[in-house]
mmCIF file of all heavy atoms, coordinates in Angstrom:
data_MODEL
# 
_entry.id   MODEL 
# 
loop_
_atom_site.group_PDB 
_atom_site.id 
_atom_site.type_symbol 
_atom_site.label_atom_id 
_atom_site.label_alt_id 
_atom_site.label_comp_id 
_atom_site.label_asym_id 
_atom_site.label_entity_id 
_atom_site.label_seq_id 
_atom_site.pdbx_PDB_ins_code 
_atom_site.Cartn_x 
_atom_site.Cartn_y 
_atom_site.Cartn_z 
_atom_site.occupancy 
_atom_site.B_iso_or_equiv 
_atom_site.pdbx_formal_charge 
_atom_site.auth_seq_id 
_atom_site.auth_comp_id 
_atom_site.auth_asym_id 
_atom_site.auth_atom_id 
_atom_site.pdbx_PDB_model_num 
ATOM 1   N N   . VAL A 1 1  ? 0.829  -1.198 0.000  1.00 0.00 ? 1  VAL A N   1 
ATOM 2   C CA  . VAL A 1 1  ? 0.000  0.000  0.000  1.00 0.00 ? 1  VAL A CA  1 
ATOM 3   C C   . VAL A 1 1  ? 0.869  1.257  0.000  1.00 0.00 ? 1  VAL A C   1 
ATOM 4   O O   . VAL A 1 1  ? 2.077  1.215  0.259  1.00 0.00 ? 1  VAL A O   1 
ATOM 5   C CB  . VAL A 1 1  ? -0.935 0.038  1.227  1.00 0.00 ? 1  VAL A CB  1 
ATOM 6   C CG1 . VAL A 1 1  ? -1.823 -1.188 1.271  1.00 0.00 ? 1  VAL A CG1 1 
ATOM 7   C CG2 . VAL A 1 1  ? -0.141 0.187  2.522  1.00 0.00 ? 1  VAL A CG2 1 
ATOM 8   N N   . ARG A 1 2  ? 0.239  2.379  -0.298 1.00 0.00 ? 2  ARG A N   1 
ATOM 9   C CA  . ARG A 1 2  ? 0.833  3.700  -0.088 1.00 0.00 ? 2  ARG A CA  1 
ATOM 10  C C   . ARG A 1 2  ? 0.190  4.262  1.175  1.00 0.00 ? 2  ARG A C   1 
ATOM 11  O O   . ARG A 1 2  ? -1.033 4.412  1.239  1.00 0.00 ? 2  ARG A O   1 
ATOM 12  C CB  . ARG A 1 2  ? 0.569  4.602  -1.302 1.00 0.00 ? 2  ARG A CB  1 
ATOM 13  C CG  . ARG A 1 2  ? 1.289  4.132  -2.569 1.00 0.00 ? 2  ARG A CG  1 
ATOM 14  C CD  . ARG A 1 2  ? 0.909  4.962  -3.785 1.00 0.00 ? 2  ARG A CD  1 
ATOM 15  N NE  . ARG A 1 2  ? -0.484 4.764  -4.157 1.00 0.00 ? 2  ARG A NE  1 
ATOM 16  C CZ  . ARG A 1 2  ? -1.409 5.722  -4.172 1.00 0.00 ? 2  ARG A CZ  1 
ATOM 17  N NH1 . ARG A 1 2  ? -1.082 6.954  -3.817 1.00 0.00 ? 2  ARG A NH1 1 
ATOM 18  N NH2 . ARG A 1 2  ? -2.637 5.459  -4.546 1.00 0.00 ? 2  ARG A NH2 1 
ATOM 19  N N   . ALA A 1 3  ? 0.984  4.562  2.171  1.00 0.00 ? 3  ALA A N   1 
ATOM 20  C CA  . ALA A 1 3  ? 0.450  4.846  3.498  1.00 0.00 ? 3  ALA A CA  1 
ATOM 21  C C   . ALA A 1 3  ? 0.823  6.240  3.980  1.00 0.00 ? 3  ALA A C   1 
ATOM 22  O O   . ALA A 1 3  ? 1.923  6.736  3.709  1.00 0.00 ? 3  ALA A O   1 
ATOM 23  C CB  . ALA A 1 3  ? 0.943  3.802  4.510  1.00 0.00 ? 3  ALA A CB  1 
ATOM 24  N N   . VAL A 1 4  ? -0.106 6.827  4.707  1.00 0.00 ? 4  VAL A N   1 
ATOM 25  C CA  . VAL A 1 4  ? 0.120  8.082  5.416  1.00 0.00 ? 4  VAL A CA  1 
ATOM 26  C C   . VAL A 1 4  ? -0.160 7.822  6.890  1.00 0.00 ? 4  VAL A C   1 
ATOM 27  O O   . VAL A 1 4  ? -1.235 7.334  7.248  1.00 0.00 ? 4  VAL A O   1 
ATOM 28  C CB  . VAL A 1 4  ? -0.793 9.213  4.903  1.00 0.00 ? 4  VAL A CB  1 
ATOM 29  C CG1 . VAL A 1 4  ? -0.654 10.458 5.788  1.00 0.00 ? 4  VAL A CG1 1 
ATOM 30  C CG2 . VAL A 1 4  ? -0.478 9.549  3.457  1.00 0.00 ? 4  VAL A CG2 1 
ATOM 31  N N   . GLY A 1 5  ? 0.815  8.138  7.732  1.00 0.00 ? 5  GLY A N   1 
ATOM 32  C CA  . GLY A 1 5  ? 0.630  8.014  9.171  1.00 0.00 ? 5  GLY A CA  1 
ATOM 33  C C   . GLY A 1 5  ? 0.662  9.394  9.799  1.00 0.00 ? 5  GLY A C   1 
ATOM 34  O O   . GLY A 1 5  ? 1.515  10.212 9.449  1.00 0.00 ? 5  GLY A O   1 
ATOM 35  N N   . ILE A 1 6  ? -0.271 9.661  10.717 1.00 0.00 ? 6  ILE A N   1 
ATOM 36  C CA  . ILE A 1 6  ? -0.293 10.965 11.376 1.00 0.00 ? 6  ILE A CA  1 
ATOM 37  C C   . ILE A 1 6  ? -0.159 10.797 12.885 1.00 0.00 ? 6  ILE A C   1 
ATOM 38  O O   . ILE A 1 6  ? -0.649 9.838  13.476 1.00 0.00 ? 6  ILE A O   1 
ATOM 39  C CB  . ILE A 1 6  ? -1.575 11.764 11.056 1.00 0.00 ? 6  ILE A CB  1 
ATOM 40  C CG1 . ILE A 1 6  ? -2.827 11.026 11.559 1.00 0.00 ? 6  ILE A CG1 1 
ATOM 41  C CG2 . ILE A 1 6  ? -1.668 12.059 9.573  1.00 0.00 ? 6  ILE A CG2 1 
ATOM 42  C CD1 . ILE A 1 6  ? -4.092 11.873 11.500 1.00 0.00 ? 6  ILE A CD1 1 
ATOM 43  N N   . THR A 1 7  ? 0.550  11.735 13.490 1.00 0.00 ? 7  THR A N   1 
ATOM 44  C CA  . THR A 1 7  ? 0.708  11.809 14.933 1.00 0.00 ? 7  THR A CA  1 
ATOM 45  C C   . THR A 1 7  ? 0.869  13.272 15.303 1.00 0.00 ? 7  THR A C   1 
ATOM 46  O O   . THR A 1 7  ? 1.342  14.073 14.481 1.00 0.00 ? 7  THR A O   1 
ATOM 47  C CB  . THR A 1 7  ? 1.930  11.003 15.418 1.00 0.00 ? 7  THR A CB  1 
ATOM 48  O OG1 . THR A 1 7  ? 2.125  11.240 16.826 1.00 0.00 ? 7  THR A OG1 1 
ATOM 49  C CG2 . THR A 1 7  ? 3.204  11.406 14.692 1.00 0.00 ? 7  THR A CG2 1 
ATOM 50  N N   . VAL A 1 8  ? 0.504  13.634 16.531 1.00 0.00 ? 8  VAL A N   1 
ATOM 51  C CA  . VAL A 1 8  ? 0.739  15.018 16.977 1.00 0.00 ? 8  VAL A CA  1 
ATOM 52  C C   . VAL A 1 8  ? 2.021  15.120 17.791 1.00 0.00 ? 8  VAL A C   1 
ATOM 53  O O   . VAL A 1 8  ? 2.360  16.186 18.274 1.00 0.00 ? 8  VAL A O   1 
ATOM 54  C CB  . VAL A 1 8  ? -0.459 15.571 17.794 1.00 0.00 ? 8  VAL A CB  1 
ATOM 55  C CG1 . VAL A 1 8  ? -1.707 15.620 16.927 1.00 0.00 ? 8  VAL A CG1 1 
ATOM 56  C CG2 . VAL A 1 8  ? -0.700 14.756 19.060 1.00 0.00 ? 8  VAL A CG2 1 
ATOM 57  N N   . SER A 1 9  ? 2.736  14.017 17.930 1.00 0.00 ? 9  SER A N   1 
ATOM 58  C CA  . SER A 1 9  ? 3.994  14.007 18.673 1.00 0.00 ? 9  SER A CA  1 
ATOM 59  C C   . SER A 1 9  ? 5.173  14.175 17.715 1.00 0.00 ? 9  SER A C   1 
ATOM 60  O O   . SER A 1 9  ? 5.406  13.333 16.850 1.00 0.00 ? 9  SER A O   1 
ATOM 61  C CB  . SER A 1 9  ? 4.148  12.696 19.454 1.00 0.00 ? 9  SER A CB  1 
ATOM 62  O OG  . SER A 1 9  ? 5.459  12.552 19.949 1.00 0.00 ? 9  SER A OG  1 
ATOM 63  N N   . GLU A 1 10 ? 5.907  15.256 17.890 1.00 0.00 ? 10 GLU A N   1 
ATOM 64  C CA  . GLU A 1 10 ? 7.083  15.499 17.053 1.00 0.00 ? 10 GLU A CA  1 
ATOM 65  C C   . GLU A 1 10 ? 8.129  14.398 17.226 1.00 0.00 ? 10 GLU A C   1 
ATOM 66  O O   . GLU A 1 10 ? 8.761  13.967 16.254 1.00 0.00 ? 10 GLU A O   1 
ATOM 67  C CB  . GLU A 1 10 ? 7.699  16.859 17.401 1.00 0.00 ? 10 GLU A CB  1 
ATOM 68  C CG  . GLU A 1 10 ? 6.815  18.053 17.066 1.00 0.00 ? 10 GLU A CG  1 
ATOM 69  C CD  . GLU A 1 10 ? 6.926  18.479 15.622 1.00 0.00 ? 10 GLU A CD  1 
ATOM 70  O OE1 . GLU A 1 10 ? 7.669  17.818 14.878 1.00 0.00 ? 10 GLU A OE1 1 
ATOM 71  O OE2 . GLU A 1 10 ? 6.275  19.475 15.251 1.00 0.00 ? 10 GLU A OE2 1 
ATOM 72  N N   . ARG A 1 11 ? 8.308  13.947 18.458 1.00 0.00 ? 11 ARG A N   1 
ATOM 73  C CA  . ARG A 1 11 ? 9.328  12.919 18.710 1.00 0.00 ? 11 ARG A CA  1 
ATOM 74  C C   . ARG A 1 11 ? 8.949  11.601 18.065 1.00 0.00 ? 11 ARG A C   1 
ATOM 75  O O   . ARG A 1 11 ? 9.798  10.890 17.525 1.00 0.00 ? 11 ARG A O   1 
ATOM 76  C CB  . ARG A 1 11 ? 9.533  12.754 20.213 1.00 0.00 ? 11 ARG A CB  1 
ATOM 77  C CG  . ARG A 1 11 ? 10.191 13.950 20.889 1.00 0.00 ? 11 ARG A CG  1 
ATOM 78  C CD  . ARG A 1 11 ? 10.657 13.608 22.278 1.00 0.00 ? 11 ARG A CD  1 
ATOM 79  N NE  . ARG A 1 11 ? 11.226 14.753 22.965 1.00 0.00 ? 11 ARG A NE  1 
ATOM 80  C CZ  . ARG A 1 11 ? 11.755 14.721 24.180 1.00 0.00 ? 11 ARG A CZ  1 
ATOM 81  N NH1 . ARG A 1 11 ? 11.782 13.576 24.854 1.00 0.00 ? 11 ARG A NH1 1 
ATOM 82  N NH2 . ARG A 1 11 ? 12.242 15.801 24.737 1.00 0.00 ? 11 ARG A NH2 1 
ATOM 83  N N   . GLN A 1 12 ? 7.669  11.240 18.136 1.00 0.00 ? 12 GLN A N   1 
ATOM 84  C CA  . GLN A 1 12 ? 7.237  10.033 17.449 1.00 0.00 ? 12 GLN A CA  1 
ATOM 85  C C   . GLN A 1 12 ? 7.483  10.146 15.954 1.00 0.00 ? 12 GLN A C   1 
ATOM 86  O O   . GLN A 1 12 ? 7.991  9.215  15.323 1.00 0.00 ? 12 GLN A O   1 
ATOM 87  C CB  . GLN A 1 12 ? 5.745  9.795  17.698 1.00 0.00 ? 12 GLN A CB  1 
ATOM 88  C CG  . GLN A 1 12 ? 5.416  9.115  19.004 1.00 0.00 ? 12 GLN A CG  1 
ATOM 89  C CD  . GLN A 1 12 ? 3.965  8.680  19.059 1.00 0.00 ? 12 GLN A CD  1 
ATOM 90  O OE1 . GLN A 1 12 ? 3.109  9.261  18.404 1.00 0.00 ? 12 GLN A OE1 1 
ATOM 91  N NE2 . GLN A 1 12 ? 3.681  7.666  19.846 1.00 0.00 ? 12 GLN A NE2 1 
ATOM 92  N N   . ALA A 1 13 ? 7.093  11.271 15.378 1.00 0.00 ? 13 ALA A N   1 
ATOM 93  C CA  . ALA A 1 13 ? 7.241  11.450 13.935 1.00 0.00 ? 13 ALA A CA  1 
ATOM 94  C C   . ALA A 1 13 ? 8.696  11.367 13.508 1.00 0.00 ? 13 ALA A C   1 
ATOM 95  O O   . ALA A 1 13 ? 9.026  10.768 12.469 1.00 0.00 ? 13 ALA A O   1 
ATOM 96  C CB  . ALA A 1 13 ? 6.640  12.793 13.517 1.00 0.00 ? 13 ALA A CB  1 
ATOM 97  N N   . GLU A 1 14 ? 9.574  11.957 14.293 1.00 0.00 ? 14 GLU A N   1 
ATOM 98  C CA  . GLU A 1 14 ? 11.007 11.928 13.972 1.00 0.00 ? 14 GLU A CA  1 
ATOM 99  C C   . GLU A 1 14 ? 11.521 10.497 13.878 1.00 0.00 ? 14 GLU A C   1 
ATOM 100 O O   . GLU A 1 14 ? 12.201 10.123 12.904 1.00 0.00 ? 14 GLU A O   1 
ATOM 101 C CB  . GLU A 1 14 ? 11.779 12.697 15.040 1.00 0.00 ? 14 GLU A CB  1 
ATOM 102 C CG  . GLU A 1 14 ? 13.283 12.723 14.838 1.00 0.00 ? 14 GLU A CG  1 
ATOM 103 C CD  . GLU A 1 14 ? 14.010 13.445 15.965 1.00 0.00 ? 14 GLU A CD  1 
ATOM 104 O OE1 . GLU A 1 14 ? 13.345 14.090 16.793 1.00 0.00 ? 14 GLU A OE1 1 
ATOM 105 O OE2 . GLU A 1 14 ? 15.257 13.342 16.015 1.00 0.00 ? 14 GLU A OE2 1 
ATOM 106 N N   . LEU A 1 15 ? 11.192 9.673  14.875 1.00 0.00 ? 15 LEU A N   1 
ATOM 107 C CA  . LEU A 1 15 ? 11.665 8.298  14.850 1.00 0.00 ? 15 LEU A CA  1 
ATOM 108 C C   . LEU A 1 15 ? 10.923 7.472  13.808 1.00 0.00 ? 15 LEU A C   1 
ATOM 109 O O   . LEU A 1 15 ? 11.513 6.600  13.158 1.00 0.00 ? 15 LEU A O   1 
ATOM 110 C CB  . LEU A 1 15 ? 11.514 7.665  16.246 1.00 0.00 ? 15 LEU A CB  1 
ATOM 111 C CG  . LEU A 1 15 ? 11.988 6.216  16.385 1.00 0.00 ? 15 LEU A CG  1 
ATOM 112 C CD1 . LEU A 1 15 ? 13.427 6.052  15.905 1.00 0.00 ? 15 LEU A CD1 1 
ATOM 113 C CD2 . LEU A 1 15 ? 11.851 5.741  17.836 1.00 0.00 ? 15 LEU A CD2 1 
ATOM 114 N N   . ALA A 1 16 ? 9.633  7.724  13.624 1.00 0.00 ? 16 ALA A N   1 
ATOM 115 C CA  . ALA A 1 16 ? 8.874  6.987  12.610 1.00 0.00 ? 16 ALA A CA  1 
ATOM 116 C C   . ALA A 1 16 ? 9.471  7.215  11.221 1.00 0.00 ? 16 ALA A C   1 
ATOM 117 O O   . ALA A 1 16 ? 9.617  6.268  10.426 1.00 0.00 ? 16 ALA A O   1 
ATOM 118 C CB  . ALA A 1 16 ? 7.408  7.411  12.643 1.00 0.00 ? 16 ALA A CB  1 
ATOM 119 N N   . ARG A 1 17 ? 9.826  8.455  10.902 1.00 0.00 ? 17 ARG A N   1 
ATOM 120 C CA  . ARG A 1 17 ? 10.435 8.735  9.595  1.00 0.00 ? 17 ARG A CA  1 
ATOM 121 C C   . ARG A 1 17 ? 11.774 8.033  9.439  1.00 0.00 ? 17 ARG A C   1 
ATOM 122 O O   . ARG A 1 17 ? 12.098 7.506  8.370  1.00 0.00 ? 17 ARG A O   1 
ATOM 123 C CB  . ARG A 1 17 ? 10.600 10.243 9.434  1.00 0.00 ? 17 ARG A CB  1 
ATOM 124 C CG  . ARG A 1 17 ? 9.295  10.989 9.245  1.00 0.00 ? 17 ARG A CG  1 
ATOM 125 C CD  . ARG A 1 17 ? 9.483  12.484 9.375  1.00 0.00 ? 17 ARG A CD  1 
ATOM 126 N NE  . ARG A 1 17 ? 8.218  13.201 9.235  1.00 0.00 ? 17 ARG A NE  1 
ATOM 127 C CZ  . ARG A 1 17 ? 7.917  14.324 9.886  1.00 0.00 ? 17 ARG A CZ  1 
ATOM 128 N NH1 . ARG A 1 17 ? 8.822  14.875 10.699 1.00 0.00 ? 17 ARG A NH1 1 
ATOM 129 N NH2 . ARG A 1 17 ? 6.752  14.903 9.709  1.00 0.00 ? 17 ARG A NH2 1 
ATOM 130 N N   . GLU A 1 18 ? 12.540 8.017  10.517 1.00 0.00 ? 18 GLU A N   1 
ATOM 131 C CA  . GLU A 1 18 ? 13.828 7.312  10.483 1.00 0.00 ? 18 GLU A CA  1 
ATOM 132 C C   . GLU A 1 18 ? 13.623 5.832  10.209 1.00 0.00 ? 18 GLU A C   1 
ATOM 133 O O   . GLU A 1 18 ? 14.342 5.226  9.395  1.00 0.00 ? 18 GLU A O   1 
ATOM 134 C CB  . GLU A 1 18 ? 14.544 7.529  11.814 1.00 0.00 ? 18 GLU A CB  1 
ATOM 135 C CG  . GLU A 1 18 ? 15.872 6.805  11.939 1.00 0.00 ? 18 GLU A CG  1 
ATOM 136 C CD  . GLU A 1 18 ? 16.475 6.958  13.328 1.00 0.00 ? 18 GLU A CD  1 
ATOM 137 O OE1 . GLU A 1 18 ? 16.363 8.065  13.913 1.00 0.00 ? 18 GLU A OE1 1 
ATOM 138 O OE2 . GLU A 1 18 ? 17.045 5.968  13.841 1.00 0.00 ? 18 GLU A OE2 1 
ATOM 139 N N   . ARG A 1 19 ? 12.637 5.226  10.857 1.00 0.00 ? 19 ARG A N   1 
ATOM 140 C CA  . ARG A 1 19 ? 12.377 3.793  10.667 1.00 0.00 ? 19 ARG A CA  1 
ATOM 141 C C   . ARG A 1 19 ? 11.874 3.513  9.251  1.00 0.00 ? 19 ARG A C   1 
ATOM 142 O O   . ARG A 1 19 ? 12.193 2.474  8.665  1.00 0.00 ? 19 ARG A O   1 
ATOM 143 C CB  . ARG A 1 19 ? 11.372 3.303  11.705 1.00 0.00 ? 19 ARG A CB  1 
ATOM 144 C CG  . ARG A 1 19 ? 11.864 3.430  13.143 1.00 0.00 ? 19 ARG A CG  1 
ATOM 145 C CD  . ARG A 1 19 ? 10.789 2.993  14.125 1.00 0.00 ? 19 ARG A CD  1 
ATOM 146 N NE  . ARG A 1 19 ? 10.641 1.547  14.138 1.00 0.00 ? 19 ARG A NE  1 
ATOM 147 C CZ  . ARG A 1 19 ? 9.490  0.915  14.294 1.00 0.00 ? 19 ARG A CZ  1 
ATOM 148 N NH1 . ARG A 1 19 ? 8.360  1.604  14.413 1.00 0.00 ? 19 ARG A NH1 1 
ATOM 149 N NH2 . ARG A 1 19 ? 9.441  -0.409 14.319 1.00 0.00 ? 19 ARG A NH2 1 
ATOM 150 N N   . VAL A 1 20 ? 11.076 4.422  8.711  1.00 0.00 ? 20 VAL A N   1 
ATOM 151 C CA  . VAL A 1 20 ? 10.594 4.263  7.338  1.00 0.00 ? 20 VAL A CA  1 
ATOM 152 C C   . VAL A 1 20 ? 11.761 4.325  6.357  1.00 0.00 ? 20 VAL A C   1 
ATOM 153 O O   . VAL A 1 20 ? 11.867 3.503  5.430  1.00 0.00 ? 20 VAL A O   1 
ATOM 154 C CB  . VAL A 1 20 ? 9.543  5.349  7.013  1.00 0.00 ? 20 VAL A CB  1 
ATOM 155 C CG1 . VAL A 1 20 ? 9.275  5.412  5.505  1.00 0.00 ? 20 VAL A CG1 1 
ATOM 156 C CG2 . VAL A 1 20 ? 8.243  5.078  7.769  1.00 0.00 ? 20 VAL A CG2 1 
ATOM 157 N N   . ARG A 1 21 ? 12.670 5.277  6.567  1.00 0.00 ? 21 ARG A N   1 
ATOM 158 C CA  . ARG A 1 21 ? 13.846 5.378  5.680  1.00 0.00 ? 21 ARG A CA  1 
ATOM 159 C C   . ARG A 1 21 ? 14.707 4.136  5.792  1.00 0.00 ? 21 ARG A C   1 
ATOM 160 O O   . ARG A 1 21 ? 15.181 3.597  4.781  1.00 0.00 ? 21 ARG A O   1 
ATOM 161 C CB  . ARG A 1 21 ? 14.659 6.622  6.042  1.00 0.00 ? 21 ARG A CB  1 
ATOM 162 C CG  . ARG A 1 21 ? 13.996 7.940  5.658  1.00 0.00 ? 21 ARG A CG  1 
ATOM 163 C CD  . ARG A 1 21 ? 14.995 9.089  5.742  1.00 0.00 ? 21 ARG A CD  1 
ATOM 164 N NE  . ARG A 1 21 ? 15.506 9.259  7.105  1.00 0.00 ? 21 ARG A NE  1 
ATOM 165 C CZ  . ARG A 1 21 ? 14.973 10.053 8.013  1.00 0.00 ? 21 ARG A CZ  1 
ATOM 166 N NH1 . ARG A 1 21 ? 13.873 10.755 7.731  1.00 0.00 ? 21 ARG A NH1 1 
ATOM 167 N NH2 . ARG A 1 21 ? 15.509 10.174 9.221  1.00 0.00 ? 21 ARG A NH2 1 
ATOM 168 N N   . ASP A 1 22 ? 14.923 3.662  7.011  1.00 0.00 ? 22 ASP A N   1 
ATOM 169 C CA  . ASP A 1 22 ? 15.760 2.483  7.213  1.00 0.00 ? 22 ASP A CA  1 
ATOM 170 C C   . ASP A 1 22 ? 15.177 1.251  6.520  1.00 0.00 ? 22 ASP A C   1 
ATOM 171 O O   . ASP A 1 22 ? 15.931 0.353  6.115  1.00 0.00 ? 22 ASP A O   1 
ATOM 172 C CB  . ASP A 1 22 ? 15.935 2.203  8.707  1.00 0.00 ? 22 ASP A CB  1 
ATOM 173 C CG  . ASP A 1 22 ? 16.804 3.242  9.404  1.00 0.00 ? 22 ASP A CG  1 
ATOM 174 O OD1 . ASP A 1 22 ? 17.477 4.020  8.698  1.00 0.00 ? 22 ASP A OD1 1 
ATOM 175 O OD2 . ASP A 1 22 ? 16.802 3.272  10.655 1.00 0.00 ? 22 ASP A OD2 1 
ATOM 176 N N   . ALA A 1 23 ? 13.856 1.210  6.420  1.00 0.00 ? 23 ALA A N   1 
ATOM 177 C CA  . ALA A 1 23 ? 13.208 0.068  5.766  1.00 0.00 ? 23 ALA A CA  1 
ATOM 178 C C   . ALA A 1 23 ? 13.138 0.237  4.253  1.00 0.00 ? 23 ALA A C   1 
ATOM 179 O O   . ALA A 1 23 ? 12.621 -0.645 3.554  1.00 0.00 ? 23 ALA A O   1 
ATOM 180 C CB  . ALA A 1 23 ? 11.801 -0.121 6.337  1.00 0.00 ? 23 ALA A CB  1 
ATOM 181 N N   . GLY A 1 24 ? 13.635 1.364  3.733  1.00 0.00 ? 24 GLY A N   1 
ATOM 182 C CA  . GLY A 1 24 ? 13.604 1.600  2.293  1.00 0.00 ? 24 GLY A CA  1 
ATOM 183 C C   . GLY A 1 24 ? 12.213 1.872  1.764  1.00 0.00 ? 24 GLY A C   1 
ATOM 184 O O   . GLY A 1 24 ? 11.911 1.563  0.601  1.00 0.00 ? 24 GLY A O   1 
ATOM 185 N N   . LEU A 1 25 ? 11.353 2.484  2.575  1.00 0.00 ? 25 LEU A N   1 
ATOM 186 C CA  . LEU A 1 25 ? 9.956  2.672  2.207  1.00 0.00 ? 25 LEU A CA  1 
ATOM 187 C C   . LEU A 1 25 ? 9.561  4.143  2.081  1.00 0.00 ? 25 LEU A C   1 
ATOM 188 O O   . LEU A 1 25 ? 8.377  4.478  2.055  1.00 0.00 ? 25 LEU A O   1 
ATOM 189 C CB  . LEU A 1 25 ? 9.045  2.002  3.248  1.00 0.00 ? 25 LEU A CB  1 
ATOM 190 C CG  . LEU A 1 25 ? 9.185  0.488  3.380  1.00 0.00 ? 25 LEU A CG  1 
ATOM 191 C CD1 . LEU A 1 25 ? 8.435  -0.002 4.619  1.00 0.00 ? 25 LEU A CD1 1 
ATOM 192 C CD2 . LEU A 1 25 ? 8.642  -0.197 2.130  1.00 0.00 ? 25 LEU A CD2 1 
# 
């Protein structure tokens, strides 16, 4: 799928983006 994830936590978003990049996604 093509996914959009939303959160109001800046710290969560920062790590989530890092994990997405690490997974090549």
